[in-house]
C-alpha atoms as a PDB file:
ATOM      1  CA  UNK A   1       0.700 -22.104   4.165  1.00  0.00           C
ATOM      2  CA  UNK A   2       1.012 -24.942   1.636  1.00  0.00           C
ATOM      3  CA  UNK A   3       0.558 -24.549  -2.114  1.00  0.00           C
ATOM      4  CA  UNK A   4      -0.695 -26.400  -5.177  1.00  0.00           C
ATOM      5  CA  UNK A   5       0.759 -25.198  -8.478  1.00  0.00           C
ATOM      6  CA  UNK A   6      -0.591 -25.589 -11.988  1.00  0.00           C
ATOM      7  CA  UNK A   7       1.869 -24.123 -14.475  1.00  0.00           C
ATOM      8  CA  UNK A   8       1.272 -23.094 -18.093  1.00  0.00           C
ATOM      9  CA  UNK A   9      -1.875 -25.088 -18.813  1.00  0.00           C
ATOM     10  CA  UNK A  10      -2.184 -24.638 -22.582  1.00  0.00           C
ATOM     11  CA  UNK A  11      -5.603 -23.743 -23.972  1.00  0.00           C
ATOM     12  CA  UNK A  12      -6.530 -22.775 -27.517  1.00  0.00           C
ATOM     13  CA  UNK A  13      -9.464 -20.362 -27.351  1.00  0.00           C
ATOM     14  CA  UNK A  14     -11.174 -17.435 -29.060  1.00  0.00           C
ATOM     15  CA  UNK A  15     -10.628 -14.427 -26.811  1.00  0.00           C
ATOM     16  CA  UNK A  16      -9.549 -10.895 -27.677  1.00  0.00           C
ATOM     17  CA  UNK A  17     -10.632  -7.420 -28.678  1.00  0.00           C
ATOM     18  CA  UNK A  18      -9.969  -7.900 -32.367  1.00  0.00           C
ATOM     19  CA  UNK A  19     -12.315  -9.724 -34.738  1.00  0.00           C
ATOM     20  CA  UNK A  20      -9.499 -11.897 -36.042  1.00  0.00           C
ATOM     21  CA  UNK A  21      -8.696 -13.105 -32.520  1.00  0.00           C
ATOM     22  CA  UNK A  22     -12.262 -14.246 -31.976  1.00  0.00           C
ATOM     23  CA  UNK A  23     -12.476 -15.807 -35.437  1.00  0.00           C
ATOM     24  CA  UNK A  24      -9.118 -17.596 -35.613  1.00  0.00           C
ATOM     25  CA  UNK A  25      -8.374 -18.168 -31.932  1.00  0.00           C
ATOM     26  CA  UNK A  26      -4.960 -18.375 -30.325  1.00  0.00           C
ATOM     27  CA  UNK A  27      -2.908 -20.069 -27.607  1.00  0.00           C
ATOM     28  CA  UNK A  28      -3.156 -19.088 -23.925  1.00  0.00           C
ATOM     29  CA  UNK A  29      -1.204 -20.378 -20.925  1.00  0.00           C
ATOM     30  CA  UNK A  30      -2.872 -20.545 -17.486  1.00  0.00           C
ATOM     31  CA  UNK A  31      -0.956 -20.845 -14.224  1.00  0.00           C
ATOM     32  CA  UNK A  32      -2.449 -21.010 -10.724  1.00  0.00           C
ATOM     33  CA  UNK A  33      -0.794 -21.088  -7.299  1.00  0.00           C
ATOM     34  CA  UNK A  34      -3.358 -21.997  -4.637  1.00  0.00           C
ATOM     35  CA  UNK A  35      -2.645 -21.615  -0.934  1.00  0.00           C
ATOM     36  CA  UNK A  36      -4.220 -24.078   1.512  1.00  0.00           C
ATOM     37  CA  UNK A  37      -3.309 -26.457   4.322  1.00  0.00           C
ATOM     38  CA  UNK A  38      -2.107 -29.980   3.442  1.00  0.00           C
ATOM     39  CA  UNK A  39      -2.082 -31.178   7.042  1.00  0.00           C
ATOM     40  CA  UNK A  40      -5.380 -33.052   7.183  1.00  0.00           C
ATOM     41  CA  UNK A  41      -4.940 -34.497   3.695  1.00  0.00           C
ATOM     42  CA  UNK A  42      -1.398 -35.649   4.489  1.00  0.00           C
ATOM     43  CA  UNK A  43      -2.294 -37.253   7.820  1.00  0.00           C
ATOM     44  CA  UNK A  44      -5.517 -38.918   6.683  1.00  0.00           C
ATOM     45  CA  UNK A  45      -4.174 -39.647   3.157  1.00  0.00           C
ATOM     46  CA  UNK A  46      -7.484 -38.383   1.819  1.00  0.00           C
ATOM     47  CA  UNK A  47      -7.498 -36.330  -1.393  1.00  0.00           C
ATOM     48  CA  UNK A  48     -10.937 -34.956  -0.507  1.00  0.00           C
ATOM     49  CA  UNK A  49      -9.157 -32.867   2.127  1.00  0.00           C
ATOM     50  CA  UNK A  50      -7.021 -31.186  -0.546  1.00  0.00           C
ATOM     51  CA  UNK A  51      -7.530 -30.030  -4.146  1.00  0.00           C
ATOM     52  CA  UNK A  52      -7.273 -32.552  -6.967  1.00  0.00           C
ATOM     53  CA  UNK A  53      -5.044 -30.596  -9.349  1.00  0.00           C
ATOM     54  CA  UNK A  54      -5.959 -32.925 -12.236  1.00  0.00           C
ATOM     55  CA  UNK A  55      -9.671 -32.278 -11.776  1.00  0.00           C
ATOM     56  CA  UNK A  56      -9.081 -28.561 -11.324  1.00  0.00           C
ATOM     57  CA  UNK A  57      -6.931 -28.400 -14.478  1.00  0.00           C
ATOM     58  CA  UNK A  58      -9.775 -29.874 -16.521  1.00  0.00           C
ATOM     59  CA  UNK A  59     -12.275 -27.477 -14.924  1.00  0.00           C
ATOM     60  CA  UNK A  60     -10.127 -24.434 -15.712  1.00  0.00           C
ATOM     61  CA  UNK A  61      -9.533 -25.682 -19.246  1.00  0.00           C
ATOM     62  CA  UNK A  62     -13.241 -26.249 -19.920  1.00  0.00           C
ATOM     63  CA  UNK A  63     -14.311 -22.937 -18.408  1.00  0.00           C
ATOM     64  CA  UNK A  64     -11.669 -20.984 -20.313  1.00  0.00           C
ATOM     65  CA  UNK A  65     -12.362 -22.691 -23.637  1.00  0.00           C
ATOM     66  CA  UNK A  66     -16.133 -22.297 -23.363  1.00  0.00           C
ATOM     67  CA  UNK A  67     -16.017 -18.535 -22.770  1.00  0.00           C
ATOM     68  CA  UNK A  68     -15.660 -15.762 -25.350  1.00  0.00           C
ATOM     69  CA  UNK A  69     -14.320 -12.583 -23.774  1.00  0.00           C
ATOM     70  CA  UNK A  70     -12.675  -9.399 -24.995  1.00  0.00           C
ATOM     71  CA  UNK A  71     -10.293  -9.099 -22.052  1.00  0.00           C
ATOM     72  CA  UNK A  72      -8.061 -11.652 -20.371  1.00  0.00           C
ATOM     73  CA  UNK A  73      -8.503  -9.547 -17.211  1.00  0.00           C
ATOM     74  CA  UNK A  74     -12.140 -10.691 -17.205  1.00  0.00           C
ATOM     75  CA  UNK A  75     -11.068 -14.299 -17.629  1.00  0.00           C
ATOM     76  CA  UNK A  76      -8.467 -14.089 -14.847  1.00  0.00           C
ATOM     77  CA  UNK A  77     -11.098 -12.778 -12.420  1.00  0.00           C
ATOM     78  CA  UNK A  78     -13.630 -15.430 -13.482  1.00  0.00           C
ATOM     79  CA  UNK A  79     -11.164 -18.292 -13.018  1.00  0.00           C
ATOM     80  CA  UNK A  80     -10.046 -16.952  -9.635  1.00  0.00           C
ATOM     81  CA  UNK A  81     -13.677 -16.590  -8.560  1.00  0.00           C
ATOM     82  CA  UNK A  82     -14.384 -20.151  -9.724  1.00  0.00           C
ATOM     83  CA  UNK A  83     -11.581 -21.584  -7.577  1.00  0.00           C
ATOM     84  CA  UNK A  84     -12.664 -19.743  -4.432  1.00  0.00           C
ATOM     85  CA  UNK A  85     -16.341 -20.568  -4.864  1.00  0.00           C
ATOM     86  CA  UNK A  86     -15.819 -24.251  -5.657  1.00  0.00           C
ATOM     87  CA  UNK A  87     -12.948 -25.033  -3.268  1.00  0.00           C
ATOM     88  CA  UNK A  88     -13.607 -23.680   0.217  1.00  0.00           C
ATOM     89  CA  UNK A  89     -10.250 -25.038   1.358  1.00  0.00           C
ATOM     90  CA  UNK A  90      -8.478 -22.503  -0.886  1.00  0.00           C
ATOM     91  CA  UNK A  91      -7.119 -19.638   1.245  1.00  0.00           C
ATOM     92  CA  UNK A  92      -5.376 -17.744  -1.556  1.00  0.00           C
ATOM     93  CA  UNK A  93      -5.231 -17.816  -5.347  1.00  0.00           C
ATOM     94  CA  UNK A  94      -2.473 -16.340  -7.504  1.00  0.00           C
ATOM     95  CA  UNK A  95      -3.535 -16.836 -11.131  1.00  0.00           C
ATOM     96  CA  UNK A  96      -1.742 -15.748 -14.315  1.00  0.00           C
ATOM     97  CA  UNK A  97      -2.933 -15.884 -17.929  1.00  0.00           C
ATOM     98  CA  UNK A  98      -0.246 -15.531 -20.607  1.00  0.00           C
ATOM     99  CA  UNK A  99      -1.007 -14.525 -24.168  1.00  0.00           C
ATOM    100  CA  UNK A 100       2.130 -15.441 -26.193  1.00  0.00           C
ATOM    101  CA  UNK A 101       0.534 -14.611 -29.554  1.00  0.00           C
ATOM    102  CA  UNK A 102      -0.780 -11.196 -28.539  1.00  0.00           C
ATOM    103  CA  UNK A 103      -1.116  -8.989 -31.665  1.00  0.00           C
ATOM    104  CA  UNK A 104       1.378  -6.328 -30.578  1.00  0.00           C
ATOM    105  CA  UNK A 105       3.768  -6.424 -33.581  1.00  0.00           C
ATOM    106  CA  UNK A 106       6.813  -6.148 -31.349  1.00  0.00           C
ATOM    107  CA  UNK A 107       9.366  -8.757 -30.248  1.00  0.00           C
ATOM    108  CA  UNK A 108       8.297 -10.097 -26.849  1.00  0.00           C
ATOM    109  CA  UNK A 109       8.026 -13.425 -25.094  1.00  0.00           C
ATOM    110  CA  UNK A 110       4.457 -13.028 -23.858  1.00  0.00           C
ATOM    111  CA  UNK A 111       1.896 -10.562 -22.523  1.00  0.00           C
ATOM    112  CA  UNK A 112       0.087 -11.587 -19.345  1.00  0.00           C
ATOM    113  CA  UNK A 113      -2.267 -10.567 -16.558  1.00  0.00           C
ATOM    114  CA  UNK A 114      -2.200 -11.711 -12.940  1.00  0.00           C
ATOM    115  CA  UNK A 115      -5.002 -11.936 -10.347  1.00  0.00           C
ATOM    116  CA  UNK A 116      -3.744 -12.401  -6.775  1.00  0.00           C
ATOM    117  CA  UNK A 117      -6.361 -12.644  -3.994  1.00  0.00           C
ATOM    118  CA  UNK A 118      -6.833 -14.168  -0.554  1.00  0.00           C
ATOM    119  CA  UNK A 119      -9.735 -14.896   1.754  1.00  0.00           C
ATOM    120  CA  UNK A 120     -10.388 -12.391   4.518  1.00  0.00           C
ATOM    121  CA  UNK A 121     -12.891 -12.093   7.337  1.00  0.00           C
ATOM    122  CA  UNK A 122     -14.678  -8.749   7.337  1.00  0.00           C
ATOM    123  CA  UNK A 123     -16.812  -7.476  10.226  1.00  0.00           C
ATOM    124  CA  UNK A 124     -19.535  -5.185   8.919  1.00  0.00           C
ATOM    125  CA  UNK A 125     -21.602  -2.820  11.055  1.00  0.00           C
ATOM    126  CA  UNK A 126     -25.151  -2.380   9.776  1.00  0.00           C
ATOM    127  CA  UNK A 127     -27.473   0.440  10.857  1.00  0.00           C
ATOM    128  CA  UNK A 128     -30.832   1.855   9.738  1.00  0.00           C
ATOM    129  CA  UNK A 129     -33.389   4.306  11.112  1.00  0.00           C
ATOM    130  CA  UNK A 130     -35.734   4.977   8.197  1.00  0.00           C
ATOM    131  CA  UNK A 131     -38.687   3.061   6.771  1.00  0.00           C
ATOM    132  CA  UNK A 132     -38.865  -0.715   7.165  1.00  0.00           C
ATOM    133  CA  UNK A 133     -35.683  -0.965   9.202  1.00  0.00           C
ATOM    134  CA  UNK A 134     -35.588  -4.745   9.534  1.00  0.00           C
ATOM    135  CA  UNK A 135     -36.511  -5.077   5.879  1.00  0.00           C
ATOM    136  CA  UNK A 136     -33.544  -2.914   4.885  1.00  0.00           C
ATOM    137  CA  UNK A 137     -31.186  -5.048   6.983  1.00  0.00           C
ATOM    138  CA  UNK A 138     -32.490  -8.261   5.389  1.00  0.00           C
ATOM    139  CA  UNK A 139     -32.264  -6.752   1.898  1.00  0.00           C
ATOM    140  CA  UNK A 140     -28.662  -5.655   2.530  1.00  0.00           C
ATOM    141  CA  UNK A 141     -27.728  -9.167   3.668  1.00  0.00           C
ATOM    142  CA  UNK A 142     -29.365 -10.727   0.597  1.00  0.00           C
ATOM    143  CA  UNK A 143     -27.570  -8.306  -1.724  1.00  0.00           C
ATOM    144  CA  UNK A 144     -24.256  -9.033  -0.048  1.00  0.00           C
ATOM    145  CA  UNK A 145     -24.781 -12.766  -0.632  1.00  0.00           C
ATOM    146  CA  UNK A 146     -25.747 -12.037  -4.267  1.00  0.00           C
ATOM    147  CA  UNK A 147     -22.385 -10.277  -4.676  1.00  0.00           C
ATOM    148  CA  UNK A 148     -20.553 -13.392  -3.482  1.00  0.00           C
ATOM    149  CA  UNK A 149     -19.890 -12.113   0.046  1.00  0.00           C
ATOM    150  CA  UNK A 150     -20.392 -15.128   2.306  1.00  0.00           C
ATOM    151  CA  UNK A 151     -22.097 -14.300   5.610  1.00  0.00           C
ATOM    152  CA  UNK A 152     -20.618 -16.503   8.358  1.00  0.00           C
ATOM    153  CA  UNK A 153     -22.169 -15.127  11.567  1.00  0.00           C
ATOM    154  CA  UNK A 154     -24.748 -12.506  12.576  1.00  0.00           C
ATOM    155  CA  UNK A 155     -25.043 -10.684  15.866  1.00  0.00           C
ATOM    156  CA  UNK A 156     -28.471  -9.984  17.344  1.00  0.00           C
ATOM    157  CA  UNK A 157     -30.330  -6.963  16.005  1.00  0.00           C
ATOM    158  CA  UNK A 158     -30.522  -4.284  18.701  1.00  0.00           C
ATOM    159  CA  UNK A 159     -32.410  -0.985  18.893  1.00  0.00           C
ATOM    160  CA  UNK A 160     -30.354   2.019  19.969  1.00  0.00           C
ATOM    161  CA  UNK A 161     -30.516   5.782  20.240  1.00  0.00           C
ATOM    162  CA  UNK A 162     -28.803   7.771  17.497  1.00  0.00           C
ATOM    163  CA  UNK A 163     -25.073   8.402  17.972  1.00  0.00           C
ATOM    164  CA  UNK A 164     -23.268  11.599  16.932  1.00  0.00           C
ATOM    165  CA  UNK A 165     -26.438  13.406  15.800  1.00  0.00           C
ATOM    166  CA  UNK A 166     -29.054  12.560  18.397  1.00  0.00           C
ATOM    167  CA  UNK A 167     -32.114  14.500  17.134  1.00  0.00           C
ATOM    168  CA  UNK A 168     -33.379  11.658  14.933  1.00  0.00           C
ATOM    169  CA  UNK A 169     -35.208   8.335  15.097  1.00  0.00           C
ATOM    170  CA  UNK A 170     -33.826   5.270  16.876  1.00  0.00           C
ATOM    171  CA  UNK A 171     -31.659   2.835  14.938  1.00  0.00           C
ATOM    172  CA  UNK A 172     -31.642  -0.887  14.433  1.00  0.00           C
ATOM    173  CA  UNK A 173     -28.032  -2.087  14.489  1.00  0.00           C
ATOM    174  CA  UNK A 174     -26.141  -5.331  14.080  1.00  0.00           C
ATOM    175  CA  UNK A 175     -22.748  -6.690  13.021  1.00  0.00           C
ATOM    176  CA  UNK A 176     -22.113  -9.540  10.589  1.00  0.00           C
ATOM    177  CA  UNK A 177     -18.974 -11.556   9.899  1.00  0.00           C
ATOM    178  CA  UNK A 178     -18.399 -11.927   6.162  1.00  0.00           C
ATOM    179  CA  UNK A 179     -15.814 -14.049   4.348  1.00  0.00           C
ATOM    180  CA  UNK A 180     -14.676 -12.755   0.964  1.00  0.00           C
ATOM    181  CA  UNK A 181     -11.820 -12.968  -1.521  1.00  0.00           C
ATOM    182  CA  UNK A 182     -12.484  -9.387  -2.662  1.00  0.00           C
ATOM    183  CA  UNK A 183      -9.728  -6.897  -1.823  1.00  0.00           C
ATOM    184  CA  UNK A 184     -10.635  -4.288   0.838  1.00  0.00           C
ATOM    185  CA  UNK A 185     -11.249  -1.361  -1.528  1.00  0.00           C
ATOM    186  CA  UNK A 186     -13.262  -3.532  -3.918  1.00  0.00           C
ATOM    187  CA  UNK A 187     -15.234  -4.813  -0.914  1.00  0.00           C
ATOM    188  CA  UNK A 188     -15.896  -1.216   0.177  1.00  0.00           C
ATOM    189  CA  UNK A 189     -17.177  -0.298  -3.288  1.00  0.00           C
ATOM    190  CA  UNK A 190     -19.541  -3.292  -3.258  1.00  0.00           C
ATOM    191  CA  UNK A 191     -20.987  -2.107   0.081  1.00  0.00           C
ATOM    192  CA  UNK A 192     -21.330   1.454  -1.190  1.00  0.00           C
ATOM    193  CA  UNK A 193     -23.252   0.273  -4.251  1.00  0.00           C
ATOM    194  CA  UNK A 194     -25.610  -1.728  -2.013  1.00  0.00           C
ATOM    195  CA  UNK A 195     -26.212   1.388   0.086  1.00  0.00           C
ATOM    196  CA  UNK A 196     -27.072   3.406  -3.028  1.00  0.00           C
ATOM    197  CA  UNK A 197     -29.318   0.644  -4.392  1.00  0.00           C
ATOM    198  CA  UNK A 198     -31.206   0.667  -1.064  1.00  0.00           C
ATOM    199  CA  UNK A 199     -31.777   4.415  -1.243  1.00  0.00           C
ATOM    200  CA  UNK A 200     -28.946   5.705   0.939  1.00  0.00           C
ATOM    201  CA  UNK A 201     -28.541   9.469   0.471  1.00  0.00           C
ATOM    202  CA  UNK A 202     -25.756  11.280   2.337  1.00  0.00           C
ATOM    203  CA  UNK A 203     -27.280  14.634   3.296  1.00  0.00           C
ATOM    204  CA  UNK A 204     -25.247  15.200   6.454  1.00  0.00           C
ATOM    205  CA  UNK A 205     -22.708  13.434   8.631  1.00  0.00           C
ATOM    206  CA  UNK A 206     -24.318  10.841  10.946  1.00  0.00           C
ATOM    207  CA  UNK A 207     -27.752  11.768   9.588  1.00  0.00           C
ATOM    208  CA  UNK A 208     -30.804   9.586   8.963  1.00  0.00           C
ATOM    209  CA  UNK A 209     -30.325   6.705   6.558  1.00  0.00           C
ATOM    210  CA  UNK A 210     -32.092   3.738   5.040  1.00  0.00           C
ATOM    211  CA  UNK A 211     -28.959   1.648   5.454  1.00  0.00           C
ATOM    212  CA  UNK A 212     -25.402   2.140   6.629  1.00  0.00           C
ATOM    213  CA  UNK A 213     -22.720  -0.488   5.966  1.00  0.00           C
ATOM    214  CA  UNK A 214     -19.407   0.133   7.733  1.00  0.00           C
ATOM    215  CA  UNK A 215     -16.277  -2.014   7.547  1.00  0.00           C
ATOM    216  CA  UNK A 216     -15.269  -2.295  11.206  1.00  0.00           C
ATOM    217  CA  UNK A 217     -12.465  -4.868  11.120  1.00  0.00           C
ATOM    218  CA  UNK A 218     -10.615  -6.945   8.523  1.00  0.00           C
ATOM    219  CA  UNK A 219      -8.946  -9.874  10.304  1.00  0.00           C
ATOM    220  CA  UNK A 220      -6.049  -8.155  12.115  1.00  0.00           C
ATOM    221  CA  UNK A 221      -5.186  -5.868   9.213  1.00  0.00           C
ATOM    222  CA  UNK A 222      -4.661  -2.110   9.410  1.00  0.00           C
ATOM    223  CA  UNK A 223      -5.636   0.085   6.440  1.00  0.00           C
ATOM    224  CA  UNK A 224      -5.245   3.839   6.277  1.00  0.00           C
ATOM    225  CA  UNK A 225      -6.124   5.423   2.923  1.00  0.00           C
ATOM    226  CA  UNK A 226      -8.210   8.359   1.731  1.00  0.00           C
ATOM    227  CA  UNK A 227     -11.085   5.931   1.068  1.00  0.00           C
ATOM    228  CA  UNK A 228     -10.781   3.355   3.815  1.00  0.00           C
ATOM    229  CA  UNK A 229      -9.685   3.423   7.447  1.00  0.00           C
ATOM    230  CA  UNK A 230      -9.697   0.066   9.276  1.00  0.00           C
ATOM    231  CA  UNK A 231     -10.134  -0.615  12.140  1.00  0.00           C
ATOM    232  CA  UNK A 232     -13.077   1.782  12.025  1.00  0.00           C
ATOM    233  CA  UNK A 233     -11.950   4.881  13.981  1.00  0.00           C
ATOM    234  CA  UNK A 234     -15.083   5.053  16.188  1.00  0.00           C
ATOM    235  CA  UNK A 235     -15.234   1.435  17.373  1.00  0.00           C
ATOM    236  CA  UNK A 236     -14.029   2.218  20.896  1.00  0.00           C
ATOM    237  CA  UNK A 237     -16.579   5.047  21.295  1.00  0.00           C
ATOM    238  CA  UNK A 238     -19.726   3.271  20.096  1.00  0.00           C
ATOM    239  CA  UNK A 239     -21.332   1.040  22.695  1.00  0.00           C
ATOM    240  CA  UNK A 240     -23.823  -0.412  20.196  1.00  0.00           C
ATOM    241  CA  UNK A 241     -20.982  -1.511  17.894  1.00  0.00           C
ATOM    242  CA  UNK A 242     -19.014  -3.052  20.745  1.00  0.00           C
ATOM    243  CA  UNK A 243     -22.106  -4.823  22.076  1.00  0.00           C
ATOM    244  CA  UNK A 244     -22.527  -6.606  18.737  1.00  0.00           C
ATOM    245  CA  UNK A 245     -18.813  -7.280  18.304  1.00  0.00           C
ATOM    246  CA  UNK A 246     -18.658  -8.619  21.858  1.00  0.00           C
ATOM    247  CA  UNK A 247     -21.383 -11.102  20.955  1.00  0.00           C
ATOM    248  CA  UNK A 248     -19.327 -12.395  18.025  1.00  0.00           C
ATOM    249  CA  UNK A 249     -15.647 -11.960  18.951  1.00  0.00           C
ATOM    250  CA  UNK A 250     -15.187 -10.996  22.640  1.00  0.00           C
ATOM    251  CA  UNK A 251     -11.556 -12.229  22.694  1.00  0.00           C
ATOM    252  CA  UNK A 252     -10.459 -10.450  19.506  1.00  0.00           C
ATOM    253  CA  UNK A 253      -7.640  -7.963  20.135  1.00  0.00           C
ATOM    254  CA  UNK A 254      -8.059  -4.572  18.504  1.00  0.00           C
ATOM    255  CA  UNK A 255      -4.941  -4.366  16.274  1.00  0.00           C
ATOM    256  CA  UNK A 256      -4.174  -0.741  17.223  1.00  0.00           C
ATOM    257  CA  UNK A 257      -5.517  -0.357  20.767  1.00  0.00           C
ATOM    258  CA  UNK A 258      -4.304  -3.870  21.644  1.00  0.00           C
ATOM    259  CA  UNK A 259      -7.281  -4.504  23.907  1.00  0.00           C
ATOM    260  CA  UNK A 260      -9.875  -7.253  23.736  1.00  0.00           C
ATOM    261  CA  UNK A 261     -13.295  -6.329  22.378  1.00  0.00           C
ATOM    262  CA  UNK A 262     -14.756  -7.462  25.718  1.00  0.00           C
ATOM    263  CA  UNK A 263     -12.494  -4.972  27.543  1.00  0.00           C
ATOM    264  CA  UNK A 264     -13.393  -2.109  25.205  1.00  0.00           C
ATOM    265  CA  UNK A 265     -17.077  -2.937  25.669  1.00  0.00           C
ATOM    266  CA  UNK A 266     -16.695  -2.919  29.451  1.00  0.00           C
ATOM    267  CA  UNK A 267     -14.894   0.442  29.333  1.00  0.00           C
ATOM    268  CA  UNK A 268     -17.482   2.181  27.140  1.00  0.00           C
ATOM    269  CA  UNK A 269     -20.360   0.829  29.267  1.00  0.00           C
ATOM    270  CA  UNK A 270     -18.731   2.207  32.413  1.00  0.00           C
ATOM    271  CA  UNK A 271     -18.295   5.607  30.748  1.00  0.00           C
ATOM    272  CA  UNK A 272     -21.988   5.747  29.834  1.00  0.00           C
END
């Protein structure tokens, strides 16, 4: 990966928790390290295929100076979000805001915060078997877009029998590919909030639901925490999930099972 660096862009602005900080203002230093590919820009000698660091410096300066926030954490997230949303070529952003005049009353060089994020492709399984099923799917997709999660591809919507707990109504299921700079746990929490906002109530495992949003895959990453397990542990057992994944990424290798999605789909179909 190639990088563009902006180091210690000086901005005088009125941010801080204390009244005097907002009234008098103070100096801040902004640094950004942006990962991207220079190849096309270098070969074609076309700046439009890269990021104009002069233009970006002015944009960061203007955005930072025009805001009035209590926390530099908020500002770091906003600036990072701005870069990702306005420069699709950016693959990663490592942004630091220094506050050399922080009112700490101790000898120090500077206080700072750092926001370090990268783009990922998430594959999200969507299921519903209550109410206006197609309406719930469309609402979930709209809410994901509203949260800044960019939907890249959608598999066909299929109707399937319930899995795990079979004495319930049929489901509509699909899988969508989503691109996002949100970290996996933050992404999970966004999906969980959407589920709640759409009336999801967890009465029992694998029970009826207005909407179910499962993180199936995250690029080729493996996550194993109390909150998040990826790849989703039931991918290889669920024909309806593999049918949708096979429509989108048949040649993707499962990072643990080391088999193509198309092979896993073939195996589960033969079992059933």
